[in-house]
PDB file of N, CA and C in Angstrom:
ATOM      1  N   MET A   1      -9.008   6.607  19.337  1.00  0.00           N
ATOM      2  CA  MET A   1      -9.336   6.180  17.993  1.00  0.00           C
ATOM      3  C   MET A   1     -10.704   5.517  17.992  1.00  0.00           C
ATOM      4  N   SER A   2     -11.494   5.851  17.011  1.00  0.00           N
ATOM      5  CA  SER A   2     -12.809   5.220  16.906  1.00  0.00           C
ATOM      6  C   SER A   2     -12.746   4.072  15.910  1.00  0.00           C
ATOM      7  N   GLU A   3     -13.486   3.038  16.219  1.00  0.00           N
ATOM      8  CA  GLU A   3     -13.533   1.892  15.334  1.00  0.00           C
ATOM      9  C   GLU A   3     -14.468   2.181  14.175  1.00  0.00           C
ATOM     10  N   GLU A   4     -14.128   1.642  13.020  1.00  0.00           N
ATOM     11  CA  GLU A   4     -14.976   1.822  11.852  1.00  0.00           C
ATOM     12  C   GLU A   4     -16.197   0.923  11.999  1.00  0.00           C
ATOM     13  N   LYS A   5     -17.374   1.525  11.847  1.00  0.00           N
ATOM     14  CA  LYS A   5     -18.600   0.754  11.963  1.00  0.00           C
ATOM     15  C   LYS A   5     -18.773  -0.112  10.726  1.00  0.00           C
ATOM     16  N   PRO A   6     -19.303  -1.333  10.912  1.00  0.00           N
ATOM     17  CA  PRO A   6     -19.533  -2.172   9.743  1.00  0.00           C
ATOM     18  C   PRO A   6     -20.581  -1.536   8.831  1.00  0.00           C
ATOM     19  N   LYS A   7     -20.434  -1.769   7.551  1.00  0.00           N
ATOM     20  CA  LYS A   7     -21.344  -1.220   6.565  1.00  0.00           C
ATOM     21  C   LYS A   7     -22.740  -1.801   6.775  1.00  0.00           C
ATOM     22  N   ARG A   8     -23.747  -0.943   6.761  1.00  0.00           N
ATOM     23  CA  ARG A   8     -25.115  -1.408   6.943  1.00  0.00           C
ATOM     24  C   ARG A   8     -25.949  -0.919   5.771  1.00  0.00           C
ATOM     25  N   MET A   9     -26.499  -1.868   5.057  1.00  0.00           N
ATOM     26  CA  MET A   9     -27.309  -1.554   3.888  1.00  0.00           C
ATOM     27  C   MET A   9     -28.751  -1.939   4.159  1.00  0.00           C
ATOM     28  N   LYS A  10     -29.655  -1.237   3.489  1.00  0.00           N
ATOM     29  CA  LYS A  10     -31.068  -1.536   3.620  1.00  0.00           C
ATOM     30  C   LYS A  10     -31.625  -1.923   2.260  1.00  0.00           C
ATOM     31  N   GLY A  11     -32.809  -2.500   2.270  1.00  0.00           N
ATOM     32  CA  GLY A  11     -33.509  -2.825   1.032  1.00  0.00           C
ATOM     33  C   GLY A  11     -32.808  -3.878   0.207  1.00  0.00           C
ATOM     34  N   PHE A  12     -32.984  -3.779  -1.102  1.00  0.00           N
ATOM     35  CA  PHE A  12     -32.432  -4.775  -2.012  1.00  0.00           C
ATOM     36  C   PHE A  12     -30.910  -4.827  -1.943  1.00  0.00           C
ATOM     37  N   ALA A  13     -30.270  -3.663  -1.883  1.00  0.00           N
ATOM     38  CA  ALA A  13     -28.807  -3.633  -1.784  1.00  0.00           C
ATOM     39  C   ALA A  13     -28.337  -4.345  -0.514  1.00  0.00           C
ATOM     40  N   GLY A  14     -29.096  -4.234   0.561  1.00  0.00           N
ATOM     41  CA  GLY A  14     -28.765  -4.925   1.806  1.00  0.00           C
ATOM     42  C   GLY A  14     -28.841  -6.432   1.669  1.00  0.00           C
ATOM     43  N   ILE A  15     -29.828  -6.904   0.925  1.00  0.00           N
ATOM     44  CA  ILE A  15     -29.969  -8.347   0.688  1.00  0.00           C
ATOM     45  C   ILE A  15     -28.775  -8.860  -0.103  1.00  0.00           C
ATOM     46  N   VAL A  16     -28.426  -8.142  -1.167  1.00  0.00           N
ATOM     47  CA  VAL A  16     -27.285  -8.550  -1.997  1.00  0.00           C
ATOM     48  C   VAL A  16     -25.990  -8.470  -1.191  1.00  0.00           C
ATOM     49  N   TRP A  17     -25.843  -7.422  -0.379  1.00  0.00           N
ATOM     50  CA  TRP A  17     -24.641  -7.259   0.451  1.00  0.00           C
ATOM     51  C   TRP A  17     -24.456  -8.443   1.394  1.00  0.00           C
ATOM     52  N   LYS A  18     -25.542  -8.900   1.998  1.00  0.00           N
ATOM     53  CA  LYS A  18     -25.441 -10.051   2.912  1.00  0.00           C
ATOM     54  C   LYS A  18     -24.976 -11.302   2.182  1.00  0.00           C
ATOM     55  N   LEU A  19     -25.306 -11.415   0.910  1.00  0.00           N
ATOM     56  CA  LEU A  19     -24.888 -12.580   0.131  1.00  0.00           C
ATOM     57  C   LEU A  19     -23.426 -12.514  -0.295  1.00  0.00           C
ATOM     58  N   VAL A  20     -22.947 -11.315  -0.653  1.00  0.00           N
ATOM     59  CA  VAL A  20     -21.605 -11.208  -1.231  1.00  0.00           C
ATOM     60  C   VAL A  20     -20.527 -10.740  -0.254  1.00  0.00           C
ATOM     61  N   GLU A  21     -20.889 -10.114   0.827  1.00  0.00           N
ATOM     62  CA  GLU A  21     -19.912  -9.562   1.766  1.00  0.00           C
ATOM     63  C   GLU A  21     -18.926 -10.597   2.301  1.00  0.00           C
ATOM     64  N   PRO A  22     -19.346 -11.842   2.568  1.00  0.00           N
ATOM     65  CA  PRO A  22     -18.366 -12.831   3.051  1.00  0.00           C
ATOM     66  C   PRO A  22     -17.212 -13.080   2.086  1.00  0.00           C
ATOM     67  N   LEU A  23     -17.390 -12.759   0.813  1.00  0.00           N
ATOM     68  CA  LEU A  23     -16.309 -12.945  -0.158  1.00  0.00           C
ATOM     69  C   LEU A  23     -15.093 -12.083   0.174  1.00  0.00           C
ATOM     70  N   ASN A  24     -15.304 -10.953   0.834  1.00  0.00           N
ATOM     71  CA  ASN A  24     -14.195 -10.063   1.186  1.00  0.00           C
ATOM     72  C   ASN A  24     -13.219 -10.710   2.157  1.00  0.00           C
ATOM     73  N   SER A  25     -13.643 -11.717   2.891  1.00  0.00           N
ATOM     74  CA  SER A  25     -12.748 -12.365   3.846  1.00  0.00           C
ATOM     75  C   SER A  25     -12.201 -13.700   3.328  1.00  0.00           C
ATOM     76  N   MET A  26     -12.503 -14.033   2.086  1.00  0.00           N
ATOM     77  CA  MET A  26     -12.028 -15.287   1.499  1.00  0.00           C
ATOM     78  C   MET A  26     -10.769 -15.048   0.672  1.00  0.00           C
ATOM     79  N   GLU A  27      -9.684 -15.684   1.057  1.00  0.00           N
ATOM     80  CA  GLU A  27      -8.409 -15.521   0.352  1.00  0.00           C
ATOM     81  C   GLU A  27      -8.496 -15.975  -1.100  1.00  0.00           C
ATOM     82  N   LYS A  28      -9.224 -17.061  -1.354  1.00  0.00           N
ATOM     83  CA  LYS A  28      -9.350 -17.579  -2.718  1.00  0.00           C
ATOM     84  C   LYS A  28      -9.998 -16.528  -3.625  1.00  0.00           C
ATOM     85  N   PHE A  29     -11.033 -15.853  -3.142  1.00  0.00           N
ATOM     86  CA  PHE A  29     -11.691 -14.798  -3.914  1.00  0.00           C
ATOM     87  C   PHE A  29     -10.722 -13.656  -4.197  1.00  0.00           C
ATOM     88  N   LYS A  30      -9.990 -13.250  -3.163  1.00  0.00           N
ATOM     89  CA  LYS A  30      -9.025 -12.148  -3.321  1.00  0.00           C
ATOM     90  C   LYS A  30      -7.959 -12.482  -4.352  1.00  0.00           C
ATOM     91  N   GLU A  31      -7.493 -13.731  -4.351  1.00  0.00           N
ATOM     92  CA  GLU A  31      -6.465 -14.145  -5.300  1.00  0.00           C
ATOM     93  C   GLU A  31      -7.008 -14.204  -6.725  1.00  0.00           C
ATOM     94  N   GLU A  32      -8.195 -14.818  -6.899  1.00  0.00           N
ATOM     95  CA  GLU A  32      -8.756 -14.993  -8.230  1.00  0.00           C
ATOM     96  C   GLU A  32      -9.197 -13.678  -8.868  1.00  0.00           C
ATOM     97  N   PHE A  33      -9.578 -12.706  -8.057  1.00  0.00           N
ATOM     98  CA  PHE A  33     -10.065 -11.435  -8.575  1.00  0.00           C
ATOM     99  C   PHE A  33      -9.101 -10.280  -8.300  1.00  0.00           C
ATOM    100  N   ALA A  34      -7.839 -10.607  -8.070  1.00  0.00           N
ATOM    101  CA  ALA A  34      -6.833  -9.594  -7.742  1.00  0.00           C
ATOM    102  C   ALA A  34      -6.639  -8.575  -8.862  1.00  0.00           C
ATOM    103  N   ASP A  35      -6.822  -8.989 -10.102  1.00  0.00           N
ATOM    104  CA  ASP A  35      -6.610  -8.092 -11.245  1.00  0.00           C
ATOM    105  C   ASP A  35      -7.914  -7.649 -11.902  1.00  0.00           C
ATOM    106  N   VAL A  36      -9.027  -7.904 -11.247  1.00  0.00           N
ATOM    107  CA  VAL A  36     -10.334  -7.627 -11.843  1.00  0.00           C
ATOM    108  C   VAL A  36     -10.915  -6.319 -11.325  1.00  0.00           C
ATOM    109  N   LYS A  37     -11.450  -5.552 -12.262  1.00  0.00           N
ATOM    110  CA  LYS A  37     -12.192  -4.348 -11.909  1.00  0.00           C
ATOM    111  C   LYS A  37     -13.452  -4.357 -12.764  1.00  0.00           C
ATOM    112  N   VAL A  38     -14.609  -4.614 -12.123  1.00  0.00           N
ATOM    113  CA  VAL A  38     -15.856  -4.781 -12.867  1.00  0.00           C
ATOM    114  C   VAL A  38     -17.038  -4.280 -12.036  1.00  0.00           C
ATOM    115  N   LYS A  39     -18.079  -3.812 -12.739  1.00  0.00           N
ATOM    116  CA  LYS A  39     -19.308  -3.366 -12.091  1.00  0.00           C
ATOM    117  C   LYS A  39     -20.477  -4.122 -12.722  1.00  0.00           C
ATOM    118  N   ILE A  40     -21.311  -4.719 -11.870  1.00  0.00           N
ATOM    119  CA  ILE A  40     -22.456  -5.500 -12.330  1.00  0.00           C
ATOM    120  C   ILE A  40     -23.712  -4.920 -11.696  1.00  0.00           C
ATOM    121  N   LEU A  41     -24.661  -4.556 -12.531  1.00  0.00           N
ATOM    122  CA  LEU A  41     -25.931  -4.038 -12.034  1.00  0.00           C
ATOM    123  C   LEU A  41     -26.897  -5.195 -11.867  1.00  0.00           C
ATOM    124  N   VAL A  42     -27.379  -5.379 -10.644  1.00  0.00           N
ATOM    125  CA  VAL A  42     -28.411  -6.374 -10.355  1.00  0.00           C
ATOM    126  C   VAL A  42     -29.695  -5.579 -10.164  1.00  0.00           C
ATOM    127  N   ASN A  43     -30.601  -5.718 -11.134  1.00  0.00           N
ATOM    128  CA  ASN A  43     -31.773  -4.853 -11.190  1.00  0.00           C
ATOM    129  C   ASN A  43     -33.076  -5.644 -11.077  1.00  0.00           C
ATOM    130  N   PRO A  44     -33.725  -5.585  -9.906  1.00  0.00           N
ATOM    131  CA  PRO A  44     -35.066  -6.156  -9.815  1.00  0.00           C
ATOM    132  C   PRO A  44     -36.033  -5.158 -10.455  1.00  0.00           C
ATOM    133  N   LYS A  45     -36.422  -5.437 -11.690  1.00  0.00           N
ATOM    134  CA  LYS A  45     -37.121  -4.421 -12.481  1.00  0.00           C
ATOM    135  C   LYS A  45     -38.474  -3.996 -11.937  1.00  0.00           C
ATOM    136  N   ASP A  46     -38.999  -4.708 -10.962  1.00  0.00           N
ATOM    137  CA  ASP A  46     -40.278  -4.329 -10.366  1.00  0.00           C
ATOM    138  C   ASP A  46     -40.111  -3.648  -9.003  1.00  0.00           C
ATOM    139  N   GLN A  47     -38.891  -3.219  -8.684  1.00  0.00           N
ATOM    140  CA  GLN A  47     -38.614  -2.548  -7.417  1.00  0.00           C
ATOM    141  C   GLN A  47     -38.110  -1.122  -7.667  1.00  0.00           C
ATOM    142  N   LYS A  48     -38.056  -0.315  -6.612  1.00  0.00           N
ATOM    143  CA  LYS A  48     -37.609   1.081  -6.731  1.00  0.00           C
ATOM    144  C   LYS A  48     -36.102   1.235  -6.639  1.00  0.00           C
ATOM    145  N   ARG A  49     -35.409   0.231  -6.098  1.00  0.00           N
ATOM    146  CA  ARG A  49     -33.961   0.301  -5.916  1.00  0.00           C
ATOM    147  C   ARG A  49     -33.292  -0.901  -6.573  1.00  0.00           C
ATOM    148  N   ALA A  50     -32.052  -0.716  -6.996  1.00  0.00           N
ATOM    149  CA  ALA A  50     -31.230  -1.771  -7.568  1.00  0.00           C
ATOM    150  C   ALA A  50     -29.909  -1.794  -6.814  1.00  0.00           C
ATOM    151  N   ALA A  51     -29.064  -2.772  -7.132  1.00  0.00           N
ATOM    152  CA  ALA A  51     -27.756  -2.885  -6.478  1.00  0.00           C
ATOM    153  C   ALA A  51     -26.666  -2.956  -7.542  1.00  0.00           C
ATOM    154  N   LEU A  52     -25.635  -2.152  -7.356  1.00  0.00           N
ATOM    155  CA  LEU A  52     -24.478  -2.177  -8.228  1.00  0.00           C
ATOM    156  C   LEU A  52     -23.353  -2.887  -7.478  1.00  0.00           C
ATOM    157  N   ILE A  53     -22.985  -4.061  -7.976  1.00  0.00           N
ATOM    158  CA  ILE A  53     -21.901  -4.833  -7.364  1.00  0.00           C
ATOM    159  C   ILE A  53     -20.594  -4.357  -7.993  1.00  0.00           C
ATOM    160  N   LYS A  54     -19.661  -3.936  -7.143  1.00  0.00           N
ATOM    161  CA  LYS A  54     -18.368  -3.454  -7.636  1.00  0.00           C
ATOM    162  C   LYS A  54     -17.263  -4.366  -7.110  1.00  0.00           C
ATOM    163  N   ILE A  55     -16.537  -4.975  -8.044  1.00  0.00           N
ATOM    164  CA  ILE A  55     -15.383  -5.800  -7.687  1.00  0.00           C
ATOM    165  C   ILE A  55     -14.153  -5.034  -8.151  1.00  0.00           C
ATOM    166  N   ASP A  56     -13.273  -4.751  -7.202  1.00  0.00           N
ATOM    167  CA  ASP A  56     -12.077  -3.969  -7.509  1.00  0.00           C
ATOM    168  C   ASP A  56     -10.879  -4.591  -6.807  1.00  0.00           C
ATOM    169  N   LYS A  57     -10.057  -5.263  -7.582  1.00  0.00           N
ATOM    170  CA  LYS A  57      -8.812  -5.868  -7.098  1.00  0.00           C
ATOM    171  C   LYS A  57      -9.018  -6.750  -5.873  1.00  0.00           C
ATOM    172  N   GLY A  58      -9.959  -7.675  -5.985  1.00  0.00           N
ATOM    173  CA  GLY A  58     -10.175  -8.651  -4.928  1.00  0.00           C
ATOM    174  C   GLY A  58     -11.074  -8.210  -3.802  1.00  0.00           C
ATOM    175  N   THR A  59     -11.671  -7.039  -3.920  1.00  0.00           N
ATOM    176  CA  THR A  59     -12.588  -6.541  -2.901  1.00  0.00           C
ATOM    177  C   THR A  59     -13.942  -6.296  -3.553  1.00  0.00           C
ATOM    178  N   ILE A  60     -14.984  -6.693  -2.862  1.00  0.00           N
ATOM    179  CA  ILE A  60     -16.339  -6.529  -3.394  1.00  0.00           C
ATOM    180  C   ILE A  60     -17.095  -5.511  -2.550  1.00  0.00           C
ATOM    181  N   ASP A  61     -17.882  -4.683  -3.223  1.00  0.00           N
ATOM    182  CA  ASP A  61     -18.661  -3.656  -2.545  1.00  0.00           C
ATOM    183  C   ASP A  61     -20.001  -3.528  -3.268  1.00  0.00           C
ATOM    184  N   ILE A  62     -20.966  -2.951  -2.595  1.00  0.00           N
ATOM    185  CA  ILE A  62     -22.309  -2.768  -3.157  1.00  0.00           C
ATOM    186  C   ILE A  62     -22.679  -1.296  -3.048  1.00  0.00           C
ATOM    187  N   GLU A  63     -23.325  -0.809  -4.089  1.00  0.00           N
ATOM    188  CA  GLU A  63     -23.860   0.547  -4.072  1.00  0.00           C
ATOM    189  C   GLU A  63     -25.369   0.469  -4.311  1.00  0.00           C
ATOM    190  N   ASP A  64     -26.124   1.144  -3.480  1.00  0.00           N
ATOM    191  CA  ASP A  64     -27.574   1.226  -3.634  1.00  0.00           C
ATOM    192  C   ASP A  64     -27.870   2.228  -4.745  1.00  0.00           C
ATOM    193  N   VAL A  65     -28.695   1.832  -5.706  1.00  0.00           N
ATOM    194  CA  VAL A  65     -28.959   2.661  -6.878  1.00  0.00           C
ATOM    195  C   VAL A  65     -30.461   2.823  -7.064  1.00  0.00           C
ATOM    196  N   LYS A  66     -30.868   4.034  -7.363  1.00  0.00           N
ATOM    197  CA  LYS A  66     -32.271   4.298  -7.665  1.00  0.00           C
ATOM    198  C   LYS A  66     -32.620   3.614  -8.990  1.00  0.00           C
ATOM    199  N   ASN A  67     -33.748   2.937  -9.021  1.00  0.00           N
ATOM    200  CA  ASN A  67     -34.144   2.165 -10.192  1.00  0.00           C
ATOM    201  C   ASN A  67     -35.164   2.954 -11.020  1.00  0.00           C
ATOM    202  N   ASP A  68     -34.668   3.973 -11.719  1.00  0.00           N
ATOM    203  CA  ASP A  68     -35.515   4.704 -12.657  1.00  0.00           C
ATOM    204  C   ASP A  68     -34.746   4.867 -13.968  1.00  0.00           C
ATOM    205  N   LYS A  69     -35.459   5.179 -15.035  1.00  0.00           N
ATOM    206  CA  LYS A  69     -34.846   5.223 -16.365  1.00  0.00           C
ATOM    207  C   LYS A  69     -33.669   6.191 -16.435  1.00  0.00           C
ATOM    208  N   GLU A  70     -33.814   7.368 -15.869  1.00  0.00           N
ATOM    209  CA  GLU A  70     -32.767   8.390 -15.952  1.00  0.00           C
ATOM    210  C   GLU A  70     -31.483   7.946 -15.239  1.00  0.00           C
ATOM    211  N   THR A  71     -31.623   7.416 -14.032  1.00  0.00           N
ATOM    212  CA  THR A  71     -30.450   6.961 -13.275  1.00  0.00           C
ATOM    213  C   THR A  71     -29.760   5.805 -13.986  1.00  0.00           C
ATOM    214  N   LEU A  72     -30.538   4.826 -14.433  1.00  0.00           N
ATOM    215  CA  LEU A  72     -29.955   3.658 -15.091  1.00  0.00           C
ATOM    216  C   LEU A  72     -29.312   4.029 -16.425  1.00  0.00           C
ATOM    217  N   LYS A  73     -29.867   5.013 -17.109  1.00  0.00           N
ATOM    218  CA  LYS A  73     -29.308   5.464 -18.385  1.00  0.00           C
ATOM    219  C   LYS A  73     -27.915   6.062 -18.193  1.00  0.00           C
ATOM    220  N   ASN A  74     -27.716   6.779 -17.100  1.00  0.00           N
ATOM    221  CA  ASN A  74     -26.438   7.449 -16.841  1.00  0.00           C
ATOM    222  C   ASN A  74     -25.444   6.608 -16.055  1.00  0.00           C
ATOM    223  N   LEU A  75     -25.871   5.458 -15.571  1.00  0.00           N
ATOM    224  CA  LEU A  75     -25.019   4.595 -14.754  1.00  0.00           C
ATOM    225  C   LEU A  75     -24.073   3.785 -15.645  1.00  0.00           C
ATOM    226  N   LYS A  76     -22.824   3.721 -15.260  1.00  0.00           N
ATOM    227  CA  LYS A  76     -21.840   2.951 -16.015  1.00  0.00           C
ATOM    228  C   LYS A  76     -21.619   1.604 -15.320  1.00  0.00           C
ATOM    229  N   TYR A  77     -21.817   0.528 -16.083  1.00  0.00           N
ATOM    230  CA  TYR A  77     -21.614  -0.817 -15.557  1.00  0.00           C
ATOM    231  C   TYR A  77     -21.163  -1.732 -16.691  1.00  0.00           C
ATOM    232  N   ASP A  78     -20.523  -2.840 -16.317  1.00  0.00           N
ATOM    233  CA  ASP A  78     -19.993  -3.784 -17.295  1.00  0.00           C
ATOM    234  C   ASP A  78     -20.956  -4.923 -17.596  1.00  0.00           C
ATOM    235  N   GLY A  79     -21.775  -5.275 -16.617  1.00  0.00           N
ATOM    236  CA  GLY A  79     -22.709  -6.373 -16.788  1.00  0.00           C
ATOM    237  C   GLY A  79     -24.044  -6.050 -16.151  1.00  0.00           C
ATOM    238  N   LEU A  80     -25.096  -6.673 -16.683  1.00  0.00           N
ATOM    239  CA  LEU A  80     -26.449  -6.440 -16.191  1.00  0.00           C
ATOM    240  C   LEU A  80     -27.119  -7.771 -15.921  1.00  0.00           C
ATOM    241  N   PHE A  81     -27.791  -7.861 -14.791  1.00  0.00           N
ATOM    242  CA  PHE A  81     -28.592  -9.021 -14.421  1.00  0.00           C
ATOM    243  C   PHE A  81     -29.935  -8.460 -13.983  1.00  0.00           C
ATOM    244  N   GLU A  82     -30.977  -8.648 -14.814  1.00  0.00           N
ATOM    245  CA  GLU A  82     -32.262  -8.011 -14.567  1.00  0.00           C
ATOM    246  C   GLU A  82     -33.396  -9.032 -14.632  1.00  0.00           C
ATOM    247  N   ALA A  83     -34.292  -8.955 -13.665  1.00  0.00           N
ATOM    248  CA  ALA A  83     -35.458  -9.847 -13.598  1.00  0.00           C
ATOM    249  C   ALA A  83     -36.390  -9.306 -12.518  1.00  0.00           C
ATOM    250  N   PRO A  84     -37.625  -9.800 -12.478  1.00  0.00           N
ATOM    251  CA  PRO A  84     -38.491  -9.439 -11.353  1.00  0.00           C
ATOM    252  C   PRO A  84     -37.868  -9.908 -10.037  1.00  0.00           C
ATOM    253  N   PHE A  85     -38.174  -9.204  -8.951  1.00  0.00           N
ATOM    254  CA  PHE A  85     -37.556  -9.495  -7.656  1.00  0.00           C
ATOM    255  C   PHE A  85     -37.720 -10.952  -7.240  1.00  0.00           C
ATOM    256  N   ASN A  86     -38.944 -11.500  -7.351  1.00  0.00           N
ATOM    257  CA  ASN A  86     -39.154 -12.873  -6.881  1.00  0.00           C
ATOM    258  C   ASN A  86     -38.309 -13.873  -7.664  1.00  0.00           C
ATOM    259  N   LEU A  87     -38.070 -13.618  -8.943  1.00  0.00           N
ATOM    260  CA  LEU A  87     -37.234 -14.506  -9.736  1.00  0.00           C
ATOM    261  C   LEU A  87     -35.761 -14.350  -9.371  1.00  0.00           C
ATOM    262  N   LEU A  88     -35.323 -13.117  -9.125  1.00  0.00           N
ATOM    263  CA  LEU A  88     -33.937 -12.891  -8.675  1.00  0.00           C
ATOM    264  C   LEU A  88     -33.689 -13.609  -7.353  1.00  0.00           C
ATOM    265  N   ALA A  89     -34.642 -13.484  -6.431  1.00  0.00           N
ATOM    266  CA  ALA A  89     -34.500 -14.145  -5.130  1.00  0.00           C
ATOM    267  C   ALA A  89     -34.408 -15.654  -5.302  1.00  0.00           C
ATOM    268  N   LYS A  90     -35.222 -16.203  -6.186  1.00  0.00           N
ATOM    269  CA  LYS A  90     -35.206 -17.649  -6.426  1.00  0.00           C
ATOM    270  C   LYS A  90     -33.880 -18.097  -7.034  1.00  0.00           C
ATOM    271  N   VAL A  91     -33.365 -17.316  -7.978  1.00  0.00           N
ATOM    272  CA  VAL A  91     -32.081 -17.648  -8.609  1.00  0.00           C
ATOM    273  C   VAL A  91     -30.964 -17.623  -7.576  1.00  0.00           C
ATOM    274  N   PHE A  92     -30.933 -16.588  -6.726  1.00  0.00           N
ATOM    275  CA  PHE A  92     -29.898 -16.511  -5.693  1.00  0.00           C
ATOM    276  C   PHE A  92     -30.046 -17.646  -4.688  1.00  0.00           C
ATOM    277  N   GLU A  93     -31.285 -18.028  -4.375  1.00  0.00           N
ATOM    278  CA  GLU A  93     -31.528 -19.113  -3.424  1.00  0.00           C
ATOM    279  C   GLU A  93     -31.076 -20.450  -3.997  1.00  0.00           C
ATOM    280  N   GLU A  94     -31.372 -20.690  -5.275  1.00  0.00           N
ATOM    281  CA  GLU A  94     -30.993 -21.947  -5.924  1.00  0.00           C
ATOM    282  C   GLU A  94     -29.514 -21.992  -6.250  1.00  0.00           C
ATOM    283  N   GLY A  95     -28.917 -20.824  -6.370  1.00  0.00           N
ATOM    284  CA  GLY A  95     -27.507 -20.748  -6.739  1.00  0.00           C
ATOM    285  C   GLY A  95     -27.366 -20.229  -8.155  1.00  0.00           C
ATOM    286  N   LEU A  96     -26.254 -19.632  -8.423  1.00  0.00           N
ATOM    287  CA  LEU A  96     -26.021 -19.031  -9.731  1.00  0.00           C
ATOM    288  C   LEU A  96     -25.314 -20.007 -10.660  1.00  0.00           C
ATOM    289  N   SER A  97     -25.885 -21.181 -10.828  1.00  0.00           N
ATOM    290  CA  SER A  97     -25.279 -22.159 -11.720  1.00  0.00           C
ATOM    291  C   SER A  97     -25.524 -21.760 -13.165  1.00  0.00           C
ATOM    292  N   THR A  98     -24.661 -22.199 -14.033  1.00  0.00           N
ATOM    293  CA  THR A  98     -24.771 -21.877 -15.445  1.00  0.00           C
ATOM    294  C   THR A  98     -26.081 -22.413 -16.013  1.00  0.00           C
ATOM    295  N   GLY A  99     -26.449 -23.620 -15.627  1.00  0.00           N
ATOM    296  CA  GLY A  99     -27.683 -24.225 -16.124  1.00  0.00           C
ATOM    297  C   GLY A  99     -28.916 -23.438 -15.729  1.00  0.00           C
ATOM    298  N   THR A 100     -28.979 -23.015 -14.478  1.00  0.00           N
ATOM    299  CA  THR A 100     -30.115 -22.236 -13.983  1.00  0.00           C
ATOM    300  C   THR A 100     -30.228 -20.920 -14.741  1.00  0.00           C
ATOM    301  N   LEU A 101     -29.113 -20.213 -14.871  1.00  0.00           N
ATOM    302  CA  LEU A 101     -29.123 -18.928 -15.573  1.00  0.00           C
ATOM    303  C   LEU A 101     -29.469 -19.098 -17.045  1.00  0.00           C
ATOM    304  N   LEU A 102     -28.887 -20.090 -17.684  1.00  0.00           N
ATOM    305  CA  LEU A 102     -29.130 -20.312 -19.103  1.00  0.00           C
ATOM    306  C   LEU A 102     -30.600 -20.614 -19.379  1.00  0.00           C
ATOM    307  N   LYS A 103     -31.192 -21.447 -18.550  1.00  0.00           N
ATOM    308  CA  LYS A 103     -32.605 -21.808 -18.719  1.00  0.00           C
ATOM    309  C   LYS A 103     -33.499 -20.570 -18.580  1.00  0.00           C
ATOM    310  N   LYS A 104     -33.250 -19.762 -17.589  1.00  0.00           N
ATOM    311  CA  LYS A 104     -34.065 -18.570 -17.362  1.00  0.00           C
ATOM    312  C   LYS A 104     -33.807 -17.502 -18.427  1.00  0.00           C
ATOM    313  N   TRP A 105     -32.588 -17.446 -18.953  1.00  0.00           N
ATOM    314  CA  TRP A 105     -32.264 -16.484 -20.006  1.00  0.00           C
ATOM    315  C   TRP A 105     -32.929 -16.881 -21.325  1.00  0.00           C
ATOM    316  N   ILE A 106     -32.880 -18.168 -21.663  1.00  0.00           N
ATOM    317  CA  ILE A 106     -33.488 -18.651 -22.901  1.00  0.00           C
ATOM    318  C   ILE A 106     -34.998 -18.425 -22.893  1.00  0.00           C
ATOM    319  N   THR A 107     -35.628 -18.620 -21.759  1.00  0.00           N
ATOM    320  CA  THR A 107     -37.077 -18.417 -21.661  1.00  0.00           C
ATOM    321  C   THR A 107     -37.435 -16.949 -21.436  1.00  0.00           C
ATOM    322  N   ARG A 108     -36.428 -16.077 -21.492  1.00  0.00           N
ATOM    323  CA  ARG A 108     -36.585 -14.619 -21.362  1.00  0.00           C
ATOM    324  C   ARG A 108     -37.191 -14.184 -20.023  1.00  0.00           C
ATOM    325  N   LYS A 109     -36.920 -14.961 -19.000  1.00  0.00           N
ATOM    326  CA  LYS A 109     -37.375 -14.582 -17.661  1.00  0.00           C
ATOM    327  C   LYS A 109     -36.376 -13.653 -16.986  1.00  0.00           C
ATOM    328  N   ILE A 110     -35.122 -13.728 -17.443  1.00  0.00           N
ATOM    329  CA  ILE A 110     -34.106 -12.802 -16.938  1.00  0.00           C
ATOM    330  C   ILE A 110     -33.414 -12.149 -18.122  1.00  0.00           C
ATOM    331  N   LYS A 111     -32.816 -11.004 -17.864  1.00  0.00           N
ATOM    332  CA  LYS A 111     -32.071 -10.285 -18.889  1.00  0.00           C
ATOM    333  C   LYS A 111     -30.617 -10.226 -18.437  1.00  0.00           C
ATOM    334  N   LEU A 112     -29.732 -10.681 -19.297  1.00  0.00           N
ATOM    335  CA  LEU A 112     -28.302 -10.648 -19.017  1.00  0.00           C
ATOM    336  C   LEU A 112     -27.625  -9.852 -20.121  1.00  0.00           C
ATOM    337  N   ARG A 113     -26.749  -8.953 -19.740  1.00  0.00           N
ATOM    338  CA  ARG A 113     -25.989  -8.174 -20.707  1.00  0.00           C
ATOM    339  C   ARG A 113     -24.559  -8.052 -20.224  1.00  0.00           C
ATOM    340  N   GLY A 114     -23.625  -8.129 -21.140  1.00  0.00           N
ATOM    341  CA  GLY A 114     -22.224  -7.944 -20.785  1.00  0.00           C
ATOM    342  C   GLY A 114     -21.594  -9.135 -20.095  1.00  0.00           C
ATOM    343  N   ILE A 115     -22.197 -10.314 -20.199  1.00  0.00           N
ATOM    344  CA  ILE A 115     -21.672 -11.463 -19.459  1.00  0.00           C
ATOM    345  C   ILE A 115     -20.360 -11.983 -20.037  1.00  0.00           C
ATOM    346  N   ARG A 116     -20.081 -11.685 -21.292  1.00  0.00           N
ATOM    347  CA  ARG A 116     -18.810 -12.132 -21.876  1.00  0.00           C
ATOM    348  C   ARG A 116     -17.623 -11.451 -21.212  1.00  0.00           C
ATOM    349  N   LYS A 117     -17.833 -10.225 -20.742  1.00  0.00           N
ATOM    350  CA  LYS A 117     -16.762  -9.473 -20.083  1.00  0.00           C
ATOM    351  C   LYS A 117     -16.452 -10.032 -18.701  1.00  0.00           C
ATOM    352  N   LEU A 118     -17.417 -10.742 -18.125  1.00  0.00           N
ATOM    353  CA  LEU A 118     -17.253 -11.241 -16.774  1.00  0.00           C
ATOM    354  C   LEU A 118     -16.587 -12.572 -16.844  1.00  0.00           C
TER     355      LEU A 118
END
């Protein structure tokens, strides 16, 4: 029997994967999101690739997505988090607190869509 190799992502999706992958081993996350099925597009609008975060019954996964108009138009997602890469990195570094997101959203530095569903 061969062992399953750990998932290896590159680029922006790899950065996001490193941040969210530990959630898969947290029991609290699995319990709180046991009935949740949602897709969130994290789009650094100044980059060629984006990341689609998929939460399905307590498990989180990332899909690398081409960041062009045609692909994004046909992509199905429940929520959108869009900003320039350096601002996304800063938000993730500071933490995704409500205050931080609200301030950046009000000043139109980030674009959020579908957040009520989340």
